[in-house]
Amino acid sequence: MSVIQGCKIFCGLALIISMSGCATMTIEGDGQKSPQSETGTHTKHGSFYSFVWSEPPVSKCDNGHGLYRVRQHTNVAYSIVSLLSLGLYVPQTAEWWCDASSPAVEEEELYHPE
């Protein structure tokens, strides 16, 4: 087996292994999602070595409630880019939805953790 054939086999196996890293993680709360729910998407550009090339913007939901759902995912293209850059560039996409439940009643005292 020549060096070139060994390199092709290694690259092929690395590509197959990296495709299994395509995943979606969803964190969901007890709130309500409706067509009026605010939503947003941002792609974070970072690395496996704790470099962050671009931070997602920090924003709050307009209705004063928290997030209803957050979904973070990668895909095959992101995995290939991560593999070819040896982990120096790793993009990930995050999507979020704001809670669409009705606003809190004015008479109720809101809980604020300390």
PDB file of N, CA and C in Angstrom:
ATOM      1  N   MET A   1       0.851  -1.170   0.000  1.00  0.00           N
ATOM      2  CA  MET A   1       0.000   0.000   0.000  1.00  0.00           C
ATOM      3  C   MET A   1       0.899   1.235   0.000  1.00  0.00           C
ATOM      4  N   SER A   2       0.631   2.117  -0.922  1.00  0.00           N
ATOM      5  CA  SER A   2       1.438   3.334  -1.017  1.00  0.00           C
ATOM      6  C   SER A   2       0.958   4.367  -0.005  1.00  0.00           C
ATOM      7  N   VAL A   3       1.748   5.400   0.163  1.00  0.00           N
ATOM      8  CA  VAL A   3       1.418   6.477   1.100  1.00  0.00           C
ATOM      9  C   VAL A   3       0.160   7.209   0.649  1.00  0.00           C
ATOM     10  N   ILE A   4       0.005   7.404  -0.651  1.00  0.00           N
ATOM     11  CA  ILE A   4      -1.168   8.109  -1.176  1.00  0.00           C
ATOM     12  C   ILE A   4      -2.436   7.308  -0.910  1.00  0.00           C
ATOM     13  N   GLN A   5      -2.389   5.996  -1.108  1.00  0.00           N
ATOM     14  CA  GLN A   5      -3.559   5.170  -0.830  1.00  0.00           C
ATOM     15  C   GLN A   5      -3.903   5.192   0.654  1.00  0.00           C
ATOM     16  N   GLY A   6      -2.879   5.137   1.496  1.00  0.00           N
ATOM     17  CA  GLY A   6      -3.103   5.206   2.941  1.00  0.00           C
ATOM     18  C   GLY A   6      -3.733   6.528   3.347  1.00  0.00           C
ATOM     19  N   CYS A   7      -3.283   7.612   2.707  1.00  0.00           N
ATOM     20  CA  CYS A   7      -3.842   8.933   2.994  1.00  0.00           C
ATOM     21  C   CYS A   7      -5.306   9.014   2.559  1.00  0.00           C
ATOM     22  N   LYS A   8      -5.626   8.450   1.412  1.00  0.00           N
ATOM     23  CA  LYS A   8      -7.005   8.445   0.927  1.00  0.00           C
ATOM     24  C   LYS A   8      -7.907   7.649   1.862  1.00  0.00           C
ATOM     25  N   ILE A   9      -7.421   6.507   2.334  1.00  0.00           N
ATOM     26  CA  ILE A   9      -8.208   5.692   3.257  1.00  0.00           C
ATOM     27  C   ILE A   9      -8.417   6.444   4.566  1.00  0.00           C
ATOM     28  N   PHE A  10      -7.352   7.056   5.082  1.00  0.00           N
ATOM     29  CA  PHE A  10      -7.453   7.812   6.330  1.00  0.00           C
ATOM     30  C   PHE A  10      -8.434   8.973   6.184  1.00  0.00           C
ATOM     31  N   CYS A  11      -8.359   9.723   5.102  1.00  0.00           N
ATOM     32  CA  CYS A  11      -9.263  10.860   4.884  1.00  0.00           C
ATOM     33  C   CYS A  11     -10.708  10.390   4.741  1.00  0.00           C
ATOM     34  N   GLY A  12     -10.901   9.277   4.050  1.00  0.00           N
ATOM     35  CA  GLY A  12     -12.246   8.730   3.890  1.00  0.00           C
ATOM     36  C   GLY A  12     -12.840   8.302   5.223  1.00  0.00           C
ATOM     37  N   LEU A  13     -12.043   7.629   6.055  1.00  0.00           N
ATOM     38  CA  LEU A  13     -12.527   7.224   7.378  1.00  0.00           C
ATOM     39  C   LEU A  13     -12.794   8.434   8.268  1.00  0.00           C
ATOM     40  N   ALA A  14     -11.925   9.433   8.207  1.00  0.00           N
ATOM     41  CA  ALA A  14     -12.126  10.645   9.003  1.00  0.00           C
ATOM     42  C   ALA A  14     -13.404  11.360   8.580  1.00  0.00           C
ATOM     43  N   LEU A  15     -13.681  11.379   7.277  1.00  0.00           N
ATOM     44  CA  LEU A  15     -14.901  12.012   6.785  1.00  0.00           C
ATOM     45  C   LEU A  15     -16.143  11.268   7.265  1.00  0.00           C
ATOM     46  N   ILE A  16     -16.107   9.949   7.215  1.00  0.00           N
ATOM     47  CA  ILE A  16     -17.238   9.144   7.677  1.00  0.00           C
ATOM     48  C   ILE A  16     -17.464   9.349   9.168  1.00  0.00           C
ATOM     49  N   ILE A  17     -16.392   9.387   9.947  1.00  0.00           N
ATOM     50  CA  ILE A  17     -16.522   9.592  11.392  1.00  0.00           C
ATOM     51  C   ILE A  17     -17.052  10.982  11.691  1.00  0.00           C
ATOM     52  N   SER A  18     -16.589  11.990  10.945  1.00  0.00           N
ATOM     53  CA  SER A  18     -17.041  13.362  11.221  1.00  0.00           C
ATOM     54  C   SER A  18     -18.512  13.554  10.852  1.00  0.00           C
ATOM     55  N   MET A  19     -19.036  12.801   9.888  1.00  0.00           N
ATOM     56  CA  MET A  19     -20.447  12.930   9.524  1.00  0.00           C
ATOM     57  C   MET A  19     -21.352  12.468  10.650  1.00  0.00           C
ATOM     58  N   SER A  20     -20.857  11.561  11.485  1.00  0.00           N
ATOM     59  CA  SER A  20     -21.678  11.114  12.605  1.00  0.00           C
ATOM     60  C   SER A  20     -21.801  12.210  13.654  1.00  0.00           C
ATOM     61  N   GLY A  21     -20.984  13.252  13.553  1.00  0.00           N
ATOM     62  CA  GLY A  21     -21.049  14.365  14.485  1.00  0.00           C
ATOM     63  C   GLY A  21     -22.123  15.376  14.144  1.00  0.00           C
ATOM     64  N   CYS A  22     -22.838  15.170  13.046  1.00  0.00           N
ATOM     65  CA  CYS A  22     -23.929  16.075  12.685  1.00  0.00           C
ATOM     66  C   CYS A  22     -25.077  15.813  13.647  1.00  0.00           C
ATOM     67  N   ALA A  23     -25.404  16.807  14.430  1.00  0.00           N
ATOM     68  CA  ALA A  23     -26.393  16.582  15.471  1.00  0.00           C
ATOM     69  C   ALA A  23     -27.225  17.828  15.704  1.00  0.00           C
ATOM     70  N   THR A  24     -28.363  17.622  16.321  1.00  0.00           N
ATOM     71  CA  THR A  24     -29.231  18.712  16.739  1.00  0.00           C
ATOM     72  C   THR A  24     -29.555  18.507  18.211  1.00  0.00           C
ATOM     73  N   MET A  25     -29.395  19.558  18.985  1.00  0.00           N
ATOM     74  CA  MET A  25     -29.750  19.510  20.400  1.00  0.00           C
ATOM     75  C   MET A  25     -30.803  20.577  20.654  1.00  0.00           C
ATOM     76  N   THR A  26     -31.934  20.184  21.212  1.00  0.00           N
ATOM     77  CA  THR A  26     -33.030  21.110  21.488  1.00  0.00           C
ATOM     78  C   THR A  26     -33.283  21.152  22.989  1.00  0.00           C
ATOM     79  N   ILE A  27     -33.347  22.359  23.521  1.00  0.00           N
ATOM     80  CA  ILE A  27     -33.718  22.569  24.923  1.00  0.00           C
ATOM     81  C   ILE A  27     -35.049  23.302  24.904  1.00  0.00           C
ATOM     82  N   GLU A  28     -36.048  22.711  25.555  1.00  0.00           N
ATOM     83  CA  GLU A  28     -37.397  23.266  25.496  1.00  0.00           C
ATOM     84  C   GLU A  28     -37.943  23.497  26.901  1.00  0.00           C
ATOM     85  N   GLY A  29     -38.574  24.637  27.095  1.00  0.00           N
ATOM     86  CA  GLY A  29     -39.154  24.977  28.389  1.00  0.00           C
ATOM     87  C   GLY A  29     -40.635  24.700  28.445  1.00  0.00           C
ATOM     88  N   ASP A  30     -41.272  25.197  29.495  1.00  0.00           N
ATOM     89  CA  ASP A  30     -42.709  24.970  29.707  1.00  0.00           C
ATOM     90  C   ASP A  30     -43.580  26.037  29.071  1.00  0.00           C
ATOM     91  N   GLY A  31     -42.993  26.980  28.376  1.00  0.00           N
ATOM     92  CA  GLY A  31     -43.764  28.082  27.808  1.00  0.00           C
ATOM     93  C   GLY A  31     -44.610  27.659  26.634  1.00  0.00           C
ATOM     94  N   GLN A  32     -45.093  28.643  25.914  1.00  0.00           N
ATOM     95  CA  GLN A  32     -45.955  28.394  24.765  1.00  0.00           C
ATOM     96  C   GLN A  32     -45.301  28.950  23.514  1.00  0.00           C
ATOM     97  N   LYS A  33     -45.433  28.217  22.432  1.00  0.00           N
ATOM     98  CA  LYS A  33     -44.952  28.678  21.135  1.00  0.00           C
ATOM     99  C   LYS A  33     -46.169  28.955  20.279  1.00  0.00           C
ATOM    100  N   SER A  34     -46.194  30.102  19.640  1.00  0.00           N
ATOM    101  CA  SER A  34     -47.307  30.457  18.772  1.00  0.00           C
ATOM    102  C   SER A  34     -46.731  31.152  17.535  1.00  0.00           C
ATOM    103  N   PRO A  35     -47.550  31.403  16.522  1.00  0.00           N
ATOM    104  CA  PRO A  35     -47.055  32.123  15.340  1.00  0.00           C
ATOM    105  C   PRO A  35     -46.537  33.524  15.677  1.00  0.00           C
ATOM    106  N   GLN A  36     -46.967  34.092  16.806  1.00  0.00           N
ATOM    107  CA  GLN A  36     -46.517  35.421  17.195  1.00  0.00           C
ATOM    108  C   GLN A  36     -45.186  35.374  17.960  1.00  0.00           C
ATOM    109  N   SER A  37     -44.692  34.194  18.261  1.00  0.00           N
ATOM    110  CA  SER A  37     -43.432  34.071  18.994  1.00  0.00           C
ATOM    111  C   SER A  37     -42.293  34.664  18.179  1.00  0.00           C
ATOM    112  N   GLU A  38     -41.454  35.431  18.846  1.00  0.00           N
ATOM    113  CA  GLU A  38     -40.270  35.956  18.181  1.00  0.00           C
ATOM    114  C   GLU A  38     -39.290  34.809  18.000  1.00  0.00           C
ATOM    115  N   THR A  39     -38.555  34.832  16.910  1.00  0.00           N
ATOM    116  CA  THR A  39     -37.569  33.799  16.643  1.00  0.00           C
ATOM    117  C   THR A  39     -36.327  34.435  16.037  1.00  0.00           C
ATOM    118  N   GLY A  40     -35.229  33.752  16.161  1.00  0.00           N
ATOM    119  CA  GLY A  40     -33.987  34.258  15.591  1.00  0.00           C
ATOM    120  C   GLY A  40     -33.021  33.118  15.320  1.00  0.00           C
ATOM    121  N   THR A  41     -32.050  33.364  14.462  1.00  0.00           N
ATOM    122  CA  THR A  41     -31.029  32.381  14.110  1.00  0.00           C
ATOM    123  C   THR A  41     -29.693  33.084  14.035  1.00  0.00           C
ATOM    124  N   HIS A  42     -28.668  32.420  14.522  1.00  0.00           N
ATOM    125  CA  HIS A  42     -27.329  32.978  14.430  1.00  0.00           C
ATOM    126  C   HIS A  42     -26.338  31.832  14.312  1.00  0.00           C
ATOM    127  N   THR A  43     -25.330  32.000  13.467  1.00  0.00           N
ATOM    128  CA  THR A  43     -24.273  31.010  13.340  1.00  0.00           C
ATOM    129  C   THR A  43     -23.052  31.500  14.100  1.00  0.00           C
ATOM    130  N   LYS A  44     -22.603  30.686  15.050  1.00  0.00           N
ATOM    131  CA  LYS A  44     -21.431  31.022  15.849  1.00  0.00           C
ATOM    132  C   LYS A  44     -20.203  30.423  15.172  1.00  0.00           C
ATOM    133  N   HIS A  45     -19.171  31.221  15.041  1.00  0.00           N
ATOM    134  CA  HIS A  45     -17.927  30.775  14.421  1.00  0.00           C
ATOM    135  C   HIS A  45     -16.868  30.696  15.508  1.00  0.00           C
ATOM    136  N   GLY A  46     -16.423  29.496  15.827  1.00  0.00           N
ATOM    137  CA  GLY A  46     -15.435  29.303  16.882  1.00  0.00           C
ATOM    138  C   GLY A  46     -14.468  28.201  16.521  1.00  0.00           C
ATOM    139  N   SER A  47     -13.881  27.563  17.526  1.00  0.00           N
ATOM    140  CA  SER A  47     -12.955  26.463  17.301  1.00  0.00           C
ATOM    141  C   SER A  47     -13.016  25.496  18.470  1.00  0.00           C
ATOM    142  N   PHE A  48     -12.392  24.339  18.298  1.00  0.00           N
ATOM    143  CA  PHE A  48     -12.308  23.374  19.380  1.00  0.00           C
ATOM    144  C   PHE A  48     -11.302  23.826  20.432  1.00  0.00           C
ATOM    145  N   TYR A  49     -10.533  24.842  20.151  1.00  0.00           N
ATOM    146  CA  TYR A  49      -9.457  25.295  21.033  1.00  0.00           C
ATOM    147  C   TYR A  49      -9.829  26.564  21.790  1.00  0.00           C
ATOM    148  N   SER A  50     -11.093  26.793  21.989  1.00  0.00           N
ATOM    149  CA  SER A  50     -11.648  27.918  22.765  1.00  0.00           C
ATOM    150  C   SER A  50     -11.480  29.284  22.107  1.00  0.00           C
ATOM    151  N   PHE A  51     -11.131  29.333  20.833  1.00  0.00           N
ATOM    152  CA  PHE A  51     -11.149  30.604  20.119  1.00  0.00           C
ATOM    153  C   PHE A  51     -12.590  30.864  19.708  1.00  0.00           C
ATOM    154  N   VAL A  52     -13.038  32.088  19.801  1.00  0.00           N
ATOM    155  CA  VAL A  52     -14.380  32.452  19.347  1.00  0.00           C
ATOM    156  C   VAL A  52     -14.218  33.527  18.291  1.00  0.00           C
ATOM    157  N   TRP A  53     -14.537  33.184  17.049  1.00  0.00           N
ATOM    158  CA  TRP A  53     -14.356  34.129  15.950  1.00  0.00           C
ATOM    159  C   TRP A  53     -15.483  35.144  15.905  1.00  0.00           C
ATOM    160  N   SER A  54     -16.695  34.762  16.290  1.00  0.00           N
ATOM    161  CA  SER A  54     -17.805  35.716  16.345  1.00  0.00           C
ATOM    162  C   SER A  54     -18.798  35.279  17.408  1.00  0.00           C
ATOM    163  N   GLU A  55     -19.105  36.165  18.313  1.00  0.00           N
ATOM    164  CA  GLU A  55     -20.081  35.892  19.370  1.00  0.00           C
ATOM    165  C   GLU A  55     -21.488  36.186  18.859  1.00  0.00           C
ATOM    166  N   PRO A  56     -22.463  35.388  19.272  1.00  0.00           N
ATOM    167  CA  PRO A  56     -23.839  35.708  18.889  1.00  0.00           C
ATOM    168  C   PRO A  56     -24.283  37.004  19.556  1.00  0.00           C
ATOM    169  N   PRO A  57     -25.153  37.756  18.911  1.00  0.00           N
ATOM    170  CA  PRO A  57     -25.640  38.988  19.532  1.00  0.00           C
ATOM    171  C   PRO A  57     -26.507  38.655  20.754  1.00  0.00           C
ATOM    172  N   VAL A  58     -26.439  39.496  21.758  1.00  0.00           N
ATOM    173  CA  VAL A  58     -27.245  39.302  22.960  1.00  0.00           C
ATOM    174  C   VAL A  58     -28.493  40.167  22.823  1.00  0.00           C
ATOM    175  N   SER A  59     -29.659  39.535  22.900  1.00  0.00           N
ATOM    176  CA  SER A  59     -30.902  40.278  22.798  1.00  0.00           C
ATOM    177  C   SER A  59     -31.914  39.668  23.762  1.00  0.00           C
ATOM    178  N   LYS A  60     -32.908  40.451  24.117  1.00  0.00           N
ATOM    179  CA  LYS A  60     -33.945  39.997  25.043  1.00  0.00           C
ATOM    180  C   LYS A  60     -35.273  39.904  24.299  1.00  0.00           C
ATOM    181  N   CYS A  61     -36.141  39.051  24.800  1.00  0.00           N
ATOM    182  CA  CYS A  61     -37.485  38.942  24.239  1.00  0.00           C
ATOM    183  C   CYS A  61     -38.268  40.195  24.611  1.00  0.00           C
ATOM    184  N   ASP A  62     -39.036  40.725  23.669  1.00  0.00           N
ATOM    185  CA  ASP A  62     -39.773  41.970  23.881  1.00  0.00           C
ATOM    186  C   ASP A  62     -40.858  41.866  24.947  1.00  0.00           C
ATOM    187  N   ASN A  63     -41.450  40.695  25.107  1.00  0.00           N
ATOM    188  CA  ASN A  63     -42.584  40.584  26.025  1.00  0.00           C
ATOM    189  C   ASN A  63     -42.163  40.400  27.485  1.00  0.00           C
ATOM    190  N   GLY A  64     -40.887  40.438  27.782  1.00  0.00           N
ATOM    191  CA  GLY A  64     -40.421  40.312  29.159  1.00  0.00           C
ATOM    192  C   GLY A  64     -40.340  38.885  29.659  1.00  0.00           C
ATOM    193  N   HIS A  65     -40.646  37.925  28.818  1.00  0.00           N
ATOM    194  CA  HIS A  65     -40.558  36.516  29.189  1.00  0.00           C
ATOM    195  C   HIS A  65     -39.235  35.951  28.706  1.00  0.00           C
ATOM    196  N   GLY A  66     -38.964  34.738  29.102  1.00  0.00           N
ATOM    197  CA  GLY A  66     -37.736  34.080  28.697  1.00  0.00           C
ATOM    198  C   GLY A  66     -37.870  33.348  27.380  1.00  0.00           C
ATOM    199  N   LEU A  67     -36.920  32.484  27.127  1.00  0.00           N
ATOM    200  CA  LEU A  67     -36.920  31.693  25.910  1.00  0.00           C
ATOM    201  C   LEU A  67     -37.817  30.474  26.067  1.00  0.00           C
ATOM    202  N   TYR A  68     -38.467  30.110  24.993  1.00  0.00           N
ATOM    203  CA  TYR A  68     -39.292  28.911  24.997  1.00  0.00           C
ATOM    204  C   TYR A  68     -38.463  27.711  24.543  1.00  0.00           C
ATOM    205  N   ARG A  69     -37.689  27.902  23.498  1.00  0.00           N
ATOM    206  CA  ARG A  69     -36.920  26.789  22.935  1.00  0.00           C
ATOM    207  C   ARG A  69     -35.620  27.323  22.348  1.00  0.00           C
ATOM    208  N   VAL A  70     -34.563  26.518  22.496  1.00  0.00           N
ATOM    209  CA  VAL A  70     -33.272  26.813  21.872  1.00  0.00           C
ATOM    210  C   VAL A  70     -32.823  25.546  21.168  1.00  0.00           C
ATOM    211  N   ARG A  71     -32.415  25.673  19.926  1.00  0.00           N
ATOM    212  CA  ARG A  71     -31.941  24.520  19.154  1.00  0.00           C
ATOM    213  C   ARG A  71     -30.571  24.843  18.585  1.00  0.00           C
ATOM    214  N   GLN A  72     -29.598  23.984  18.867  1.00  0.00           N
ATOM    215  CA  GLN A  72     -28.246  24.154  18.334  1.00  0.00           C
ATOM    216  C   GLN A  72     -27.953  22.957  17.448  1.00  0.00           C
ATOM    217  N   HIS A  73     -27.427  23.236  16.243  1.00  0.00           N
ATOM    218  CA  HIS A  73     -27.185  22.113  15.347  1.00  0.00           C
ATOM    219  C   HIS A  73     -25.991  22.357  14.438  1.00  0.00           C
ATOM    220  N   THR A  74     -25.482  21.234  13.921  1.00  0.00           N
ATOM    221  CA  THR A  74     -24.417  21.237  12.928  1.00  0.00           C
ATOM    222  C   THR A  74     -24.916  20.422  11.737  1.00  0.00           C
ATOM    223  N   ASN A  75     -24.184  20.468  10.649  1.00  0.00           N
ATOM    224  CA  ASN A  75     -24.550  19.670   9.479  1.00  0.00           C
ATOM    225  C   ASN A  75     -23.283  19.110   8.839  1.00  0.00           C
ATOM    226  N   VAL A  76     -23.435  18.402   7.740  1.00  0.00           N
ATOM    227  CA  VAL A  76     -22.298  17.748   7.088  1.00  0.00           C
ATOM    228  C   VAL A  76     -21.263  18.780   6.627  1.00  0.00           C
ATOM    229  N   ALA A  77     -21.707  19.884   6.059  1.00  0.00           N
ATOM    230  CA  ALA A  77     -20.762  20.906   5.586  1.00  0.00           C
ATOM    231  C   ALA A  77     -19.955  21.479   6.750  1.00  0.00           C
ATOM    232  N   TYR A  78     -20.626  21.736   7.887  1.00  0.00           N
ATOM    233  CA  TYR A  78     -19.918  22.243   9.070  1.00  0.00           C
ATOM    234  C   TYR A  78     -18.897  21.222   9.557  1.00  0.00           C
ATOM    235  N   SER A  79     -19.261  19.936   9.530  1.00  0.00           N
ATOM    236  CA  SER A  79     -18.341  18.885   9.976  1.00  0.00           C
ATOM    237  C   SER A  79     -17.126  18.774   9.061  1.00  0.00           C
ATOM    238  N   ILE A  80     -17.341  18.891   7.753  1.00  0.00           N
ATOM    239  CA  ILE A  80     -16.223  18.816   6.810  1.00  0.00           C
ATOM    240  C   ILE A  80     -15.279  19.994   7.007  1.00  0.00           C
ATOM    241  N   VAL A  81     -15.833  21.196   7.171  1.00  0.00           N
ATOM    242  CA  VAL A  81     -15.006  22.387   7.403  1.00  0.00           C
ATOM    243  C   VAL A  81     -14.208  22.230   8.693  1.00  0.00           C
ATOM    244  N   SER A  82     -14.849  21.713   9.732  1.00  0.00           N
ATOM    245  CA  SER A  82     -14.167  21.512  11.016  1.00  0.00           C
ATOM    246  C   SER A  82     -13.031  20.505  10.888  1.00  0.00           C
ATOM    247  N   LEU A  83     -13.279  19.444  10.138  1.00  0.00           N
ATOM    248  CA  LEU A  83     -12.265  18.411   9.933  1.00  0.00           C
ATOM    249  C   LEU A  83     -11.087  18.950   9.133  1.00  0.00           C
ATOM    250  N   LEU A  84     -11.369  19.638   8.029  1.00  0.00           N
ATOM    251  CA  LEU A  84     -10.297  20.146   7.177  1.00  0.00           C
ATOM    252  C   LEU A  84      -9.457  21.219   7.864  1.00  0.00           C
ATOM    253  N   SER A  85     -10.066  21.980   8.775  1.00  0.00           N
ATOM    254  CA  SER A  85      -9.314  23.026   9.479  1.00  0.00           C
ATOM    255  C   SER A  85      -8.674  22.496  10.768  1.00  0.00           C
ATOM    256  N   LEU A  86      -8.782  21.185  10.997  1.00  0.00           N
ATOM    257  CA  LEU A  86      -8.247  20.549  12.211  1.00  0.00           C
ATOM    258  C   LEU A  86      -8.795  21.189  13.484  1.00  0.00           C
ATOM    259  N   GLY A  87     -10.035  21.629  13.434  1.00  0.00           N
ATOM    260  CA  GLY A  87     -10.695  22.185  14.603  1.00  0.00           C
ATOM    261  C   GLY A  87     -10.455  23.660  14.834  1.00  0.00           C
ATOM    262  N   LEU A  88      -9.713  24.321  13.950  1.00  0.00           N
ATOM    263  CA  LEU A  88      -9.469  25.755  14.121  1.00  0.00           C
ATOM    264  C   LEU A  88     -10.705  26.576  13.785  1.00  0.00           C
ATOM    265  N   TYR A  89     -11.552  26.079  12.891  1.00  0.00           N
ATOM    266  CA  TYR A  89     -12.785  26.776  12.525  1.00  0.00           C
ATOM    267  C   TYR A  89     -13.943  25.793  12.638  1.00  0.00           C
ATOM    268  N   VAL A  90     -14.853  26.046  13.572  1.00  0.00           N
ATOM    269  CA  VAL A  90     -15.988  25.161  13.814  1.00  0.00           C
ATOM    270  C   VAL A  90     -17.262  25.997  13.881  1.00  0.00           C
ATOM    271  N   PRO A  91     -18.049  26.032  12.802  1.00  0.00           N
ATOM    272  CA  PRO A  91     -19.320  26.769  12.844  1.00  0.00           C
ATOM    273  C   PRO A  91     -20.429  25.920  13.461  1.00  0.00           C
ATOM    274  N   GLN A  92     -21.328  26.576  14.186  1.00  0.00           N
ATOM    275  CA  GLN A  92     -22.520  25.943  14.744  1.00  0.00           C
ATOM    276  C   GLN A  92     -23.658  26.946  14.661  1.00  0.00           C
ATOM    277  N   THR A  93     -24.853  26.469  14.378  1.00  0.00           N
ATOM    278  CA  THR A  93     -26.007  27.349  14.251  1.00  0.00           C
ATOM    279  C   THR A  93     -26.922  27.177  15.459  1.00  0.00           C
ATOM    280  N   ALA A  94     -27.396  28.305  15.986  1.00  0.00           N
ATOM    281  CA  ALA A  94     -28.347  28.288  17.100  1.00  0.00           C
ATOM    282  C   ALA A  94     -29.614  29.015  16.669  1.00  0.00           C
ATOM    283  N   GLU A  95     -30.762  28.427  16.983  1.00  0.00           N
ATOM    284  CA  GLU A  95     -32.060  29.050  16.731  1.00  0.00           C
ATOM    285  C   GLU A  95     -32.759  29.190  18.066  1.00  0.00           C
ATOM    286  N   TRP A  96     -33.554  30.241  18.245  1.00  0.00           N
ATOM    287  CA  TRP A  96     -34.274  30.424  19.493  1.00  0.00           C
ATOM    288  C   TRP A  96     -35.662  30.975  19.238  1.00  0.00           C
ATOM    289  N   TRP A  97     -36.565  30.676  20.159  1.00  0.00           N
ATOM    290  CA  TRP A  97     -37.936  31.151  20.118  1.00  0.00           C
ATOM    291  C   TRP A  97     -38.266  31.741  21.477  1.00  0.00           C
ATOM    292  N   CYS A  98     -38.895  32.905  21.497  1.00  0.00           N
ATOM    293  CA  CYS A  98     -39.324  33.533  22.747  1.00  0.00           C
ATOM    294  C   CYS A  98     -40.645  32.929  23.200  1.00  0.00           C
ATOM    295  N   ASP A  99     -40.870  32.935  24.499  1.00  0.00           N
ATOM    296  CA  ASP A  99     -42.116  32.452  25.090  1.00  0.00           C
ATOM    297  C   ASP A  99     -43.253  33.380  24.677  1.00  0.00           C
ATOM    298  N   ALA A 100     -44.355  32.832  24.186  1.00  0.00           N
ATOM    299  CA  ALA A 100     -45.471  33.647  23.700  1.00  0.00           C
ATOM    300  C   ALA A 100     -46.644  33.661  24.668  1.00  0.00           C
ATOM    301  N   SER A 101     -46.415  33.242  25.907  1.00  0.00           N
ATOM    302  CA  SER A 101     -47.526  33.243  26.859  1.00  0.00           C
ATOM    303  C   SER A 101     -47.929  34.675  27.186  1.00  0.00           C
ATOM    304  N   SER A 102     -49.124  34.819  27.732  1.00  0.00           N
ATOM    305  CA  SER A 102     -49.623  36.162  28.034  1.00  0.00           C
ATOM    306  C   SER A 102     -48.759  36.802  29.114  1.00  0.00           C
ATOM    307  N   PRO A 103     -48.674  38.131  29.111  1.00  0.00           N
ATOM    308  CA  PRO A 103     -47.852  38.805  30.108  1.00  0.00           C
ATOM    309  C   PRO A 103     -48.353  38.550  31.528  1.00  0.00           C
ATOM    310  N   ALA A 104     -47.431  38.650  32.483  1.00  0.00           N
ATOM    311  CA  ALA A 104     -47.778  38.399  33.880  1.00  0.00           C
ATOM    312  C   ALA A 104     -48.770  39.451  34.373  1.00  0.00           C
ATOM    313  N   VAL A 105     -49.641  39.039  35.265  1.00  0.00           N
ATOM    314  CA  VAL A 105     -50.605  39.960  35.856  1.00  0.00           C
ATOM    315  C   VAL A 105     -49.851  40.940  36.743  1.00  0.00           C
ATOM    316  N   GLU A 106     -50.214  42.213  36.663  1.00  0.00           N
ATOM    317  CA  GLU A 106     -49.497  43.269  37.389  1.00  0.00           C
ATOM    318  C   GLU A 106     -49.500  43.047  38.896  1.00  0.00           C
ATOM    319  N   GLU A 107     -50.554  42.421  39.446  1.00  0.00           N
ATOM    320  CA  GLU A 107     -50.653  42.264  40.886  1.00  0.00           C
ATOM    321  C   GLU A 107     -49.730  41.179  41.416  1.00  0.00           C
ATOM    322  N   GLU A 108     -49.332  40.263  40.564  1.00  0.00           N
ATOM    323  CA  GLU A 108     -48.459  39.179  41.009  1.00  0.00           C
ATOM    324  C   GLU A 108     -47.036  39.705  41.161  1.00  0.00           C
ATOM    325  N   GLU A 109     -46.361  39.176  42.161  1.00  0.00           N
ATOM    326  CA  GLU A 109     -44.973  39.564  42.380  1.00  0.00           C
ATOM    327  C   GLU A 109     -44.102  38.617  41.554  1.00  0.00           C
ATOM    328  N   LEU A 110     -43.226  39.174  40.723  1.00  0.00           N
ATOM    329  CA  LEU A 110     -42.356  38.373  39.892  1.00  0.00           C
ATOM    330  C   LEU A 110     -41.193  37.847  40.703  1.00  0.00           C
ATOM    331  N   TYR A 111     -40.802  36.621  40.457  1.00  0.00           N
ATOM    332  CA  TYR A 111     -39.680  36.016  41.148  1.00  0.00           C
ATOM    333  C   TYR A 111     -38.381  36.464  40.482  1.00  0.00           C
ATOM    334  N   HIS A 112     -37.462  36.983  41.260  1.00  0.00           N
ATOM    335  CA  HIS A 112     -36.149  37.398  40.771  1.00  0.00           C
ATOM    336  C   HIS A 112     -35.086  36.671  41.582  1.00  0.00           C
ATOM    337  N   PRO A 113     -34.411  35.664  40.999  1.00  0.00           N
ATOM    338  CA  PRO A 113     -33.389  34.938  41.746  1.00  0.00           C
ATOM    339  C   PRO A 113     -32.219  35.855  42.083  1.00  0.00           C
ATOM    340  N   GLU A 114     -31.620  35.603  43.198  1.00  0.00           N
ATOM    341  CA  GLU A 114     -30.529  36.472  43.654  1.00  0.00           C
ATOM    342  C   GLU A 114     -29.203  35.834  43.432  1.00  0.00           C
TER     343      GLU A 114
END
